[in-house]
Amino acid sequence: GEGCAELLRADPNRSALLIERLGPSMFDLAVPFDQRLSILVDVATGVWRPPGDLEALLPDGREKALWLTEFVETEWQRLDRPCSRAAVDEAVAAARRRAAAHDPRRAVLCHGDVHQWNTLRAGDGWKLVDPDGLVAEPECDLGVILREDPEELLVRDPRAVVADVARRTGADADAVWDWAFVERVSTGLVATGIDLQPVGRQLLAAADRLTAAA
């Protein structure tokens, strides 16, 4: 897609890809939060397009949302409940809402993992690498973007940040909020499970705070 690194050559037998040479990541360049958010939204929207033949090959938003409901509940129990029951319940409810709302007529090709480590300098702009690849409502990609940076997000008004991103992209703010919430909890659990700290604690603490404030 327009927002992704150009594929130069592929060898499926070796599971190898040769892509264009890109520069450092947004994380390596320490791009400030507000500028980073704007760039991430722009590169995500550059990927979106009708899925075409890929629709039959890639998972869809409903499948991802249903998988997240199972993962969050199971992993929370396995990790000895590292966040509140209320946050888990809200994450599961959010994922179920997104599963029920999946509409193939609105679905686009999504990157699936848009964040600052996957966004690399490309000349005067930026390009994405390491796509998950799925066919989902655009709000799915925006939710991934807004799951990140829990400390920076919480010094702002999180609802206002989501509303601003929704206005910029023509997205549904409630759907963005749902995806961001379940992605925040699920990623916090993943990080906790591999002892990636303090990221895991920060993500889950943000989910707890947002749940308590609701």
Foldseek 3Di string as FASTA:
>chain_A
DQQAFAWDDDDVVVRDTDTDDFAAFLVVVVDDDVVQLVQLLVSFVRQWDACPPCQVVFAELLVVLVVLLVLLVVLCVVLPNLADPLLNVLLNVLSVVQNVPWDSVQWTWGQQARERRQWTHDPPGIHGDDGPIYTYHSLLSLLNHLLPDLVVCVVDPVLVVLVVSCVVVVHDSSNNVNNNSSNLSSVLSVCVVVVVPPSSVSSRVSSNVVSVVD
